[in-house]
Amino acid sequence: MVVKGFTVVREMVGHGIGTSMHEEPQVPNYVDRRNENPRLKEGMVLAIEPMVNAGKPEIRILSDRWTAVTQDGSCSAHFEHSVAVTSHGPWVLTRP
């Protein structure tokens, strides 16, 4: 999806977080009605971390096997919030 020249990187996803850094479920940063969305349950904690490009959505990983850059050289932004699923709804743990 492109909105005013910006795109969301589809290869990167948010994820559950708990006793390990990356846990299930994987949480896409976009809506794809063809796929079933993950079922959220009370007690889950999720890392929601979209990467938005000011150009095409394709990325590549550098030789350090960690750094992600856009293939077209456009600027990109990545941010993250940790969200707990509670009986009263979402609780954004990283909100000031």
PDB file of N, CA and C in Angstrom:
ATOM      1  N   MET A   1       0.836  -1.179   0.000  1.00  0.00           N
ATOM      2  CA  MET A   1       0.000   0.000   0.000  1.00  0.00           C
ATOM      3  C   MET A   1       0.884   1.247   0.000  1.00  0.00           C
ATOM      4  N   VAL A   2       0.537   2.214  -0.828  1.00  0.00           N
ATOM      5  CA  VAL A   2       1.277   3.470  -0.900  1.00  0.00           C
ATOM      6  C   VAL A   2       0.339   4.602  -0.525  1.00  0.00           C
ATOM      7  N   VAL A   3       0.746   5.415   0.445  1.00  0.00           N
ATOM      8  CA  VAL A   3      -0.023   6.584   0.843  1.00  0.00           C
ATOM      9  C   VAL A   3       0.891   7.791   0.690  1.00  0.00           C
ATOM     10  N   LYS A   4       0.575   8.664  -0.271  1.00  0.00           N
ATOM     11  CA  LYS A   4       1.358   9.869  -0.525  1.00  0.00           C
ATOM     12  C   LYS A   4       2.852   9.584  -0.611  1.00  0.00           C
ATOM     13  N   GLY A   5       3.218   8.498  -1.283  1.00  0.00           N
ATOM     14  CA  GLY A   5       4.619   8.172  -1.493  1.00  0.00           C
ATOM     15  C   GLY A   5       5.259   7.333  -0.412  1.00  0.00           C
ATOM     16  N   PHE A   6       4.542   7.068   0.685  1.00  0.00           N
ATOM     17  CA  PHE A   6       5.085   6.265   1.776  1.00  0.00           C
ATOM     18  C   PHE A   6       4.592   4.830   1.678  1.00  0.00           C
ATOM     19  N   THR A   7       5.440   3.890   2.072  1.00  0.00           N
ATOM     20  CA  THR A   7       5.074   2.476   2.042  1.00  0.00           C
ATOM     21  C   THR A   7       5.484   1.817   3.356  1.00  0.00           C
ATOM     22  N   VAL A   8       4.839   0.700   3.660  1.00  0.00           N
ATOM     23  CA  VAL A   8       5.168  -0.095   4.846  1.00  0.00           C
ATOM     24  C   VAL A   8       5.944  -1.325   4.398  1.00  0.00           C
ATOM     25  N   VAL A   9       7.045  -1.603   5.074  1.00  0.00           N
ATOM     26  CA  VAL A   9       7.863  -2.776   4.768  1.00  0.00           C
ATOM     27  C   VAL A   9       7.114  -4.016   5.239  1.00  0.00           C
ATOM     28  N   ARG A  10       6.805  -4.917   4.332  1.00  0.00           N
ATOM     29  CA  ARG A  10       6.024  -6.107   4.668  1.00  0.00           C
ATOM     30  C   ARG A  10       6.873  -7.252   5.208  1.00  0.00           C
ATOM     31  N   GLU A  11       8.177  -7.228   4.940  1.00  0.00           N
ATOM     32  CA  GLU A  11       9.029  -8.319   5.439  1.00  0.00           C
ATOM     33  C   GLU A  11       9.231  -8.250   6.945  1.00  0.00           C
ATOM     34  N   MET A  12       9.051  -7.068   7.527  1.00  0.00           N
ATOM     35  CA  MET A  12       9.240  -6.886   8.964  1.00  0.00           C
ATOM     36  C   MET A  12       7.885  -6.965   9.659  1.00  0.00           C
ATOM     37  N   VAL A  13       7.867  -7.602  10.813  1.00  0.00           N
ATOM     38  CA  VAL A  13       6.617  -7.741  11.562  1.00  0.00           C
ATOM     39  C   VAL A  13       6.865  -7.418  13.026  1.00  0.00           C
ATOM     40  N   GLY A  14       5.777  -7.068  13.710  1.00  0.00           N
ATOM     41  CA  GLY A  14       5.819  -7.018  15.162  1.00  0.00           C
ATOM     42  C   GLY A  14       5.727  -8.446  15.676  1.00  0.00           C
ATOM     43  N   HIS A  15       5.795  -8.601  16.996  1.00  0.00           N
ATOM     44  CA  HIS A  15       5.838  -9.961  17.548  1.00  0.00           C
ATOM     45  C   HIS A  15       5.491  -9.939  19.026  1.00  0.00           C
ATOM     46  N   GLY A  16       5.195 -11.120  19.534  1.00  0.00           N
ATOM     47  CA  GLY A  16       5.026 -11.275  20.967  1.00  0.00           C
ATOM     48  C   GLY A  16       6.363 -11.120  21.659  1.00  0.00           C
ATOM     49  N   ILE A  17       6.307 -10.711  22.924  1.00  0.00           N
ATOM     50  CA  ILE A  17       7.532 -10.577  23.716  1.00  0.00           C
ATOM     51  C   ILE A  17       7.225 -11.034  25.136  1.00  0.00           C
ATOM     52  N   GLY A  18       8.154 -11.758  25.726  1.00  0.00           N
ATOM     53  CA  GLY A  18       7.936 -12.288  27.071  1.00  0.00           C
ATOM     54  C   GLY A  18       9.230 -12.797  27.649  1.00  0.00           C
ATOM     55  N   THR A  19       9.324 -14.109  27.809  1.00  0.00           N
ATOM     56  CA  THR A  19      10.564 -14.686  28.332  1.00  0.00           C
ATOM     57  C   THR A  19      11.656 -14.715  27.272  1.00  0.00           C
ATOM     58  N   SER A  20      11.272 -14.563  26.005  1.00  0.00           N
ATOM     59  CA  SER A  20      12.221 -14.445  24.894  1.00  0.00           C
ATOM     60  C   SER A  20      11.957 -13.135  24.169  1.00  0.00           C
ATOM     61  N   MET A  21      12.966 -12.645  23.474  1.00  0.00           N
ATOM     62  CA  MET A  21      12.840 -11.373  22.766  1.00  0.00           C
ATOM     63  C   MET A  21      11.809 -11.430  21.640  1.00  0.00           C
ATOM     64  N   HIS A  22      11.808 -12.501  20.855  1.00  0.00           N
ATOM     65  CA  HIS A  22      10.876 -12.639  19.738  1.00  0.00           C
ATOM     66  C   HIS A  22      10.049 -13.900  19.944  1.00  0.00           C
ATOM     67  N   GLU A  23       8.756 -13.719  20.190  1.00  0.00           N
ATOM     68  CA  GLU A  23       7.840 -14.838  20.409  1.00  0.00           C
ATOM     69  C   GLU A  23       6.659 -14.717  19.451  1.00  0.00           C
ATOM     70  N   GLU A  24       5.878 -15.768  19.384  1.00  0.00           N
ATOM     71  CA  GLU A  24       4.619 -15.723  18.644  1.00  0.00           C
ATOM     72  C   GLU A  24       3.632 -14.879  19.450  1.00  0.00           C
ATOM     73  N   PRO A  25       2.656 -14.258  18.811  1.00  0.00           N
ATOM     74  CA  PRO A  25       2.382 -14.334  17.383  1.00  0.00           C
ATOM     75  C   PRO A  25       3.170 -13.279  16.618  1.00  0.00           C
ATOM     76  N   GLN A  26       3.342 -13.531  15.323  1.00  0.00           N
ATOM     77  CA  GLN A  26       3.850 -12.484  14.450  1.00  0.00           C
ATOM     78  C   GLN A  26       2.699 -11.530  14.168  1.00  0.00           C
ATOM     79  N   VAL A  27       2.972 -10.237  14.220  1.00  0.00           N
ATOM     80  CA  VAL A  27       1.940  -9.215  14.048  1.00  0.00           C
ATOM     81  C   VAL A  27       2.304  -8.358  12.841  1.00  0.00           C
ATOM     82  N   PRO A  28       1.604  -8.551  11.708  1.00  0.00           N
ATOM     83  CA  PRO A  28       1.895  -7.738  10.522  1.00  0.00           C
ATOM     84  C   PRO A  28       1.636  -6.258  10.796  1.00  0.00           C
ATOM     85  N   ASN A  29       2.370  -5.395  10.127  1.00  0.00           N
ATOM     86  CA  ASN A  29       2.208  -3.946  10.269  1.00  0.00           C
ATOM     87  C   ASN A  29       1.274  -3.379   9.207  1.00  0.00           C
ATOM     88  N   TYR A  30       0.456  -4.225   8.647  1.00  0.00           N
ATOM     89  CA  TYR A  30      -0.481  -3.836   7.603  1.00  0.00           C
ATOM     90  C   TYR A  30      -1.655  -4.807   7.649  1.00  0.00           C
ATOM     91  N   VAL A  31      -2.738  -4.439   7.007  1.00  0.00           N
ATOM     92  CA  VAL A  31      -3.920  -5.300   6.943  1.00  0.00           C
ATOM     93  C   VAL A  31      -3.915  -6.030   5.611  1.00  0.00           C
ATOM     94  N   ASP A  32      -4.007  -7.332   5.674  1.00  0.00           N
ATOM     95  CA  ASP A  32      -4.138  -8.153   4.474  1.00  0.00           C
ATOM     96  C   ASP A  32      -5.350  -9.042   4.695  1.00  0.00           C
ATOM     97  N   ARG A  33      -6.449  -8.682   4.095  1.00  0.00           N
ATOM     98  CA  ARG A  33      -7.709  -9.387   4.336  1.00  0.00           C
ATOM     99  C   ARG A  33      -7.677 -10.835   3.847  1.00  0.00           C
ATOM    100  N   ARG A  34      -6.670 -11.191   3.042  1.00  0.00           N
ATOM    101  CA  ARG A  34      -6.563 -12.576   2.569  1.00  0.00           C
ATOM    102  C   ARG A  34      -6.030 -13.499   3.657  1.00  0.00           C
ATOM    103  N   ASN A  35      -5.362 -12.936   4.648  1.00  0.00           N
ATOM    104  CA  ASN A  35      -4.773 -13.742   5.710  1.00  0.00           C
ATOM    105  C   ASN A  35      -5.538 -13.548   7.013  1.00  0.00           C
ATOM    106  N   GLU A  36      -5.521 -14.568   7.831  1.00  0.00           N
ATOM    107  CA  GLU A  36      -6.165 -14.469   9.134  1.00  0.00           C
ATOM    108  C   GLU A  36      -5.260 -13.679  10.072  1.00  0.00           C
ATOM    109  N   ASN A  37      -5.839 -12.722  10.774  1.00  0.00           N
ATOM    110  CA  ASN A  37      -5.074 -11.952  11.746  1.00  0.00           C
ATOM    111  C   ASN A  37      -4.835 -12.789  12.990  1.00  0.00           C
ATOM    112  N   PRO A  38      -3.726 -12.543  13.710  1.00  0.00           N
ATOM    113  CA  PRO A  38      -3.467 -13.316  14.926  1.00  0.00           C
ATOM    114  C   PRO A  38      -4.535 -13.053  15.977  1.00  0.00           C
ATOM    115  N   ARG A  39      -4.899 -14.090  16.724  1.00  0.00           N
ATOM    116  CA  ARG A  39      -5.858 -13.962  17.821  1.00  0.00           C
ATOM    117  C   ARG A  39      -5.128 -13.442  19.048  1.00  0.00           C
ATOM    118  N   LEU A  40      -5.601 -12.340  19.577  1.00  0.00           N
ATOM    119  CA  LEU A  40      -4.973 -11.757  20.754  1.00  0.00           C
ATOM    120  C   LEU A  40      -5.704 -12.234  22.000  1.00  0.00           C
ATOM    121  N   LYS A  41      -4.920 -12.532  23.046  1.00  0.00           N
ATOM    122  CA  LYS A  41      -5.483 -13.034  24.298  1.00  0.00           C
ATOM    123  C   LYS A  41      -4.971 -12.191  25.449  1.00  0.00           C
ATOM    124  N   GLU A  42      -5.809 -12.041  26.460  1.00  0.00           N
ATOM    125  CA  GLU A  42      -5.412 -11.315  27.655  1.00  0.00           C
ATOM    126  C   GLU A  42      -4.106 -11.898  28.203  1.00  0.00           C
ATOM    127  N   GLY A  43      -3.197 -11.009  28.582  1.00  0.00           N
ATOM    128  CA  GLY A  43      -1.905 -11.431  29.116  1.00  0.00           C
ATOM    129  C   GLY A  43      -0.777 -11.376  28.103  1.00  0.00           C
ATOM    130  N   MET A  44      -1.110 -11.311  26.817  1.00  0.00           N
ATOM    131  CA  MET A  44      -0.059 -11.194  25.797  1.00  0.00           C
ATOM    132  C   MET A  44       0.583  -9.808  25.875  1.00  0.00           C
ATOM    133  N   VAL A  45       1.860  -9.741  25.541  1.00  0.00           N
ATOM    134  CA  VAL A  45       2.549  -8.468  25.357  1.00  0.00           C
ATOM    135  C   VAL A  45       3.146  -8.502  23.954  1.00  0.00           C
ATOM    136  N   LEU A  46       2.887  -7.440  23.201  1.00  0.00           N
ATOM    137  CA  LEU A  46       3.296  -7.381  21.795  1.00  0.00           C
ATOM    138  C   LEU A  46       4.248  -6.220  21.557  1.00  0.00           C
ATOM    139  N   ALA A  47       5.216  -6.440  20.708  1.00  0.00           N
ATOM    140  CA  ALA A  47       6.083  -5.374  20.205  1.00  0.00           C
ATOM    141  C   ALA A  47       5.538  -5.000  18.829  1.00  0.00           C
ATOM    142  N   ILE A  48       4.958  -3.815  18.733  1.00  0.00           N
ATOM    143  CA  ILE A  48       4.410  -3.320  17.468  1.00  0.00           C
ATOM    144  C   ILE A  48       5.473  -2.391  16.894  1.00  0.00           C
ATOM    145  N   GLU A  49       6.039  -2.743  15.731  1.00  0.00           N
ATOM    146  CA  GLU A  49       7.193  -1.993  15.244  1.00  0.00           C
ATOM    147  C   GLU A  49       7.228  -1.839  13.729  1.00  0.00           C
ATOM    148  N   PRO A  50       6.371  -0.952  13.194  1.00  0.00           N
ATOM    149  CA  PRO A  50       6.380  -0.747  11.746  1.00  0.00           C
ATOM    150  C   PRO A  50       7.638  -0.022  11.262  1.00  0.00           C
ATOM    151  N   MET A  51       7.968  -0.297  10.018  1.00  0.00           N
ATOM    152  CA  MET A  51       9.054   0.390   9.313  1.00  0.00           C
ATOM    153  C   MET A  51       8.406   1.030   8.091  1.00  0.00           C
ATOM    154  N   VAL A  52       8.481   2.351   7.998  1.00  0.00           N
ATOM    155  CA  VAL A  52       7.816   3.102   6.932  1.00  0.00           C
ATOM    156  C   VAL A  52       8.879   3.745   6.046  1.00  0.00           C
ATOM    157  N   ASN A  53       8.744   3.528   4.749  1.00  0.00           N
ATOM    158  CA  ASN A  53       9.702   4.070   3.779  1.00  0.00           C
ATOM    159  C   ASN A  53       9.097   5.241   3.016  1.00  0.00           C
ATOM    160  N   ALA A  54       9.928   6.217   2.679  1.00  0.00           N
ATOM    161  CA  ALA A  54       9.516   7.340   1.839  1.00  0.00           C
ATOM    162  C   ALA A  54       9.844   7.000   0.389  1.00  0.00           C
ATOM    163  N   GLY A  55       9.415   5.842  -0.027  1.00  0.00           N
ATOM    164  CA  GLY A  55       9.686   5.336  -1.370  1.00  0.00           C
ATOM    165  C   GLY A  55       9.117   3.942  -1.483  1.00  0.00           C
ATOM    166  N   LYS A  56       9.798   3.097  -2.213  1.00  0.00           N
ATOM    167  CA  LYS A  56       9.327   1.723  -2.412  1.00  0.00           C
ATOM    168  C   LYS A  56       9.500   0.904  -1.131  1.00  0.00           C
ATOM    169  N   PRO A  57       8.704  -0.163  -0.963  1.00  0.00           N
ATOM    170  CA  PRO A  57       8.737  -0.924   0.289  1.00  0.00           C
ATOM    171  C   PRO A  57       9.877  -1.927   0.421  1.00  0.00           C
ATOM    172  N   GLU A  58      10.620  -2.174  -0.639  1.00  0.00           N
ATOM    173  CA  GLU A  58      11.642  -3.220  -0.594  1.00  0.00           C
ATOM    174  C   GLU A  58      12.853  -2.780   0.230  1.00  0.00           C
ATOM    175  N   ILE A  59      13.391  -3.739   0.989  1.00  0.00           N
ATOM    176  CA  ILE A  59      14.579  -3.493   1.800  1.00  0.00           C
ATOM    177  C   ILE A  59      15.634  -4.550   1.500  1.00  0.00           C
ATOM    178  N   ARG A  60      16.830  -4.312   1.999  1.00  0.00           N
ATOM    179  CA  ARG A  60      17.869  -5.335   1.963  1.00  0.00           C
ATOM    180  C   ARG A  60      18.615  -5.263   3.286  1.00  0.00           C
ATOM    181  N   ILE A  61      19.189  -6.382   3.671  1.00  0.00           N
ATOM    182  CA  ILE A  61      19.952  -6.476   4.910  1.00  0.00           C
ATOM    183  C   ILE A  61      21.436  -6.403   4.550  1.00  0.00           C
ATOM    184  N   LEU A  62      22.167  -5.554   5.253  1.00  0.00           N
ATOM    185  CA  LEU A  62      23.593  -5.379   4.969  1.00  0.00           C
ATOM    186  C   LEU A  62      24.398  -6.580   5.456  1.00  0.00           C
ATOM    187  N   SER A  63      25.677  -6.588   5.117  1.00  0.00           N
ATOM    188  CA  SER A  63      26.540  -7.741   5.403  1.00  0.00           C
ATOM    189  C   SER A  63      26.700  -8.023   6.897  1.00  0.00           C
ATOM    190  N   ASP A  64      26.379  -7.050   7.759  1.00  0.00           N
ATOM    191  CA  ASP A  64      26.443  -7.316   9.201  1.00  0.00           C
ATOM    192  C   ASP A  64      25.274  -8.180   9.673  1.00  0.00           C
ATOM    193  N   ARG A  65      24.356  -8.471   8.730  1.00  0.00           N
ATOM    194  CA  ARG A  65      23.174  -9.317   8.957  1.00  0.00           C
ATOM    195  C   ARG A  65      22.210  -8.729   9.990  1.00  0.00           C
ATOM    196  N   TRP A  66      22.266  -7.421  10.202  1.00  0.00           N
ATOM    197  CA  TRP A  66      21.389  -6.762  11.165  1.00  0.00           C
ATOM    198  C   TRP A  66      20.775  -5.490  10.581  1.00  0.00           C
ATOM    199  N   THR A  67      21.608  -4.679   9.922  1.00  0.00           N
ATOM    200  CA  THR A  67      21.172  -3.382   9.430  1.00  0.00           C
ATOM    201  C   THR A  67      20.289  -3.536   8.201  1.00  0.00           C
ATOM    202  N   ALA A  68      19.086  -2.943   8.269  1.00  0.00           N
ATOM    203  CA  ALA A  68      18.155  -2.948   7.137  1.00  0.00           C
ATOM    204  C   ALA A  68      18.173  -1.573   6.484  1.00  0.00           C
ATOM    205  N   VAL A  69      18.254  -1.549   5.158  1.00  0.00           N
ATOM    206  CA  VAL A  69      18.211  -0.302   4.394  1.00  0.00           C
ATOM    207  C   VAL A  69      17.225  -0.476   3.243  1.00  0.00           C
ATOM    208  N   THR A  70      16.740   0.643   2.733  1.00  0.00           N
ATOM    209  CA  THR A  70      15.834   0.574   1.592  1.00  0.00           C
ATOM    210  C   THR A  70      16.628   0.241   0.341  1.00  0.00           C
ATOM    211  N   GLN A  71      16.009  -0.527  -0.541  1.00  0.00           N
ATOM    212  CA  GLN A  71      16.691  -0.871  -1.797  1.00  0.00           C
ATOM    213  C   GLN A  71      16.837   0.335  -2.710  1.00  0.00           C
ATOM    214  N   ASP A  72      15.865   1.253  -2.653  1.00  0.00           N
ATOM    215  CA  ASP A  72      15.920   2.403  -3.557  1.00  0.00           C
ATOM    216  C   ASP A  72      16.647   3.604  -2.950  1.00  0.00           C
ATOM    217  N   GLY A  73      17.208   3.453  -1.749  1.00  0.00           N
ATOM    218  CA  GLY A  73      17.954   4.541  -1.122  1.00  0.00           C
ATOM    219  C   GLY A  73      17.095   5.602  -0.463  1.00  0.00           C
ATOM    220  N   SER A  74      15.784   5.384  -0.402  1.00  0.00           N
ATOM    221  CA  SER A  74      14.897   6.371   0.213  1.00  0.00           C
ATOM    222  C   SER A  74      15.046   6.351   1.736  1.00  0.00           C
ATOM    223  N   CYS A  75      14.590   7.423   2.360  1.00  0.00           N
ATOM    224  CA  CYS A  75      14.608   7.510   3.822  1.00  0.00           C
ATOM    225  C   CYS A  75      13.591   6.543   4.407  1.00  0.00           C
ATOM    226  N   SER A  76      13.858   6.118   5.631  1.00  0.00           N
ATOM    227  CA  SER A  76      12.982   5.164   6.293  1.00  0.00           C
ATOM    228  C   SER A  76      12.928   5.484   7.780  1.00  0.00           C
ATOM    229  N   ALA A  77      11.814   5.156   8.405  1.00  0.00           N
ATOM    230  CA  ALA A  77      11.671   5.346   9.853  1.00  0.00           C
ATOM    231  C   ALA A  77      11.149   4.059  10.466  1.00  0.00           C
ATOM    232  N   HIS A  78      11.685   3.736  11.633  1.00  0.00           N
ATOM    233  CA  HIS A  78      11.260   2.550  12.375  1.00  0.00           C
ATOM    234  C   HIS A  78      10.974   3.009  13.794  1.00  0.00           C
ATOM    235  N   PHE A  79       9.842   2.574  14.339  1.00  0.00           N
ATOM    236  CA  PHE A  79       9.547   2.886  15.734  1.00  0.00           C
ATOM    237  C   PHE A  79       8.850   1.699  16.357  1.00  0.00           C
ATOM    238  N   GLU A  80       8.765   1.719  17.674  1.00  0.00           N
ATOM    239  CA  GLU A  80       8.219   0.555  18.371  1.00  0.00           C
ATOM    240  C   GLU A  80       7.447   0.993  19.609  1.00  0.00           C
ATOM    241  N   HIS A  81       6.349   0.291  19.852  1.00  0.00           N
ATOM    242  CA  HIS A  81       5.617   0.391  21.118  1.00  0.00           C
ATOM    243  C   HIS A  81       5.404  -1.018  21.633  1.00  0.00           C
ATOM    244  N   SER A  82       5.467  -1.167  22.938  1.00  0.00           N
ATOM    245  CA  SER A  82       5.116  -2.434  23.583  1.00  0.00           C
ATOM    246  C   SER A  82       3.704  -2.285  24.122  1.00  0.00           C
ATOM    247  N   VAL A  83       2.842  -3.246  23.795  1.00  0.00           N
ATOM    248  CA  VAL A  83       1.428  -3.163  24.143  1.00  0.00           C
ATOM    249  C   VAL A  83       1.010  -4.436  24.866  1.00  0.00           C
ATOM    250  N   ALA A  84       0.412  -4.270  26.046  1.00  0.00           N
ATOM    251  CA  ALA A  84      -0.125  -5.406  26.794  1.00  0.00           C
ATOM    252  C   ALA A  84      -1.603  -5.550  26.456  1.00  0.00           C
ATOM    253  N   VAL A  85      -2.053  -6.777  26.287  1.00  0.00           N
ATOM    254  CA  VAL A  85      -3.466  -7.058  26.040  1.00  0.00           C
ATOM    255  C   VAL A  85      -4.096  -7.340  27.403  1.00  0.00           C
ATOM    256  N   THR A  86      -5.032  -6.471  27.825  1.00  0.00           N
ATOM    257  CA  THR A  86      -5.678  -6.617  29.128  1.00  0.00           C
ATOM    258  C   THR A  86      -7.171  -6.850  28.955  1.00  0.00           C
ATOM    259  N   SER A  87      -7.842  -7.172  30.038  1.00  0.00           N
ATOM    260  CA  SER A  87      -9.293  -7.380  29.985  1.00  0.00           C
ATOM    261  C   SER A  87     -10.031  -6.077  29.692  1.00  0.00           C
ATOM    262  N   HIS A  88      -9.363  -4.939  29.865  1.00  0.00           N
ATOM    263  CA  HIS A  88      -9.969  -3.630  29.607  1.00  0.00           C
ATOM    264  C   HIS A  88      -9.527  -3.037  28.273  1.00  0.00           C
ATOM    265  N   GLY A  89      -8.772  -3.806  27.497  1.00  0.00           N
ATOM    266  CA  GLY A  89      -8.285  -3.326  26.212  1.00  0.00           C
ATOM    267  C   GLY A  89      -6.778  -3.204  26.213  1.00  0.00           C
ATOM    268  N   PRO A  90      -6.213  -2.586  25.176  1.00  0.00           N
ATOM    269  CA  PRO A  90      -4.755  -2.483  25.072  1.00  0.00           C
ATOM    270  C   PRO A  90      -4.192  -1.476  26.074  1.00  0.00           C
ATOM    271  N   TRP A  91      -3.003  -1.778  26.593  1.00  0.00           N
ATOM    272  CA  TRP A  91      -2.277  -0.878  27.483  1.00  0.00           C
ATOM    273  C   TRP A  91      -0.915  -0.643  26.839  1.00  0.00           C
ATOM    274  N   VAL A  92      -0.678   0.577  26.369  1.00  0.00           N
ATOM    275  CA  VAL A  92       0.583   0.911  25.706  1.00  0.00           C
ATOM    276  C   VAL A  92       1.634   1.149  26.790  1.00  0.00           C
ATOM    277  N   LEU A  93       2.515   0.186  26.962  1.00  0.00           N
ATOM    278  CA  LEU A  93       3.498   0.222  28.045  1.00  0.00           C
ATOM    279  C   LEU A  93       4.594   1.252  27.817  1.00  0.00           C
ATOM    280  N   THR A  94       4.847   1.599  26.573  1.00  0.00           N
ATOM    281  CA  THR A  94       5.934   2.518  26.243  1.00  0.00           C
ATOM    282  C   THR A  94       5.469   3.958  26.076  1.00  0.00           C
ATOM    283  N   ARG A  95       4.219   4.230  26.379  1.00  0.00           N
ATOM    284  CA  ARG A  95       3.710   5.604  26.289  1.00  0.00           C
ATOM    285  C   ARG A  95       4.192   6.381  27.514  1.00  0.00           C
ATOM    286  N   PRO A  96       4.699   7.611  27.310  1.00  0.00           N
ATOM    287  CA  PRO A  96       5.193   8.394  28.467  1.00  0.00           C
ATOM    288  C   PRO A  96       4.079   8.747  29.440  1.00  0.00           C
TER     289      PRO A  96
END
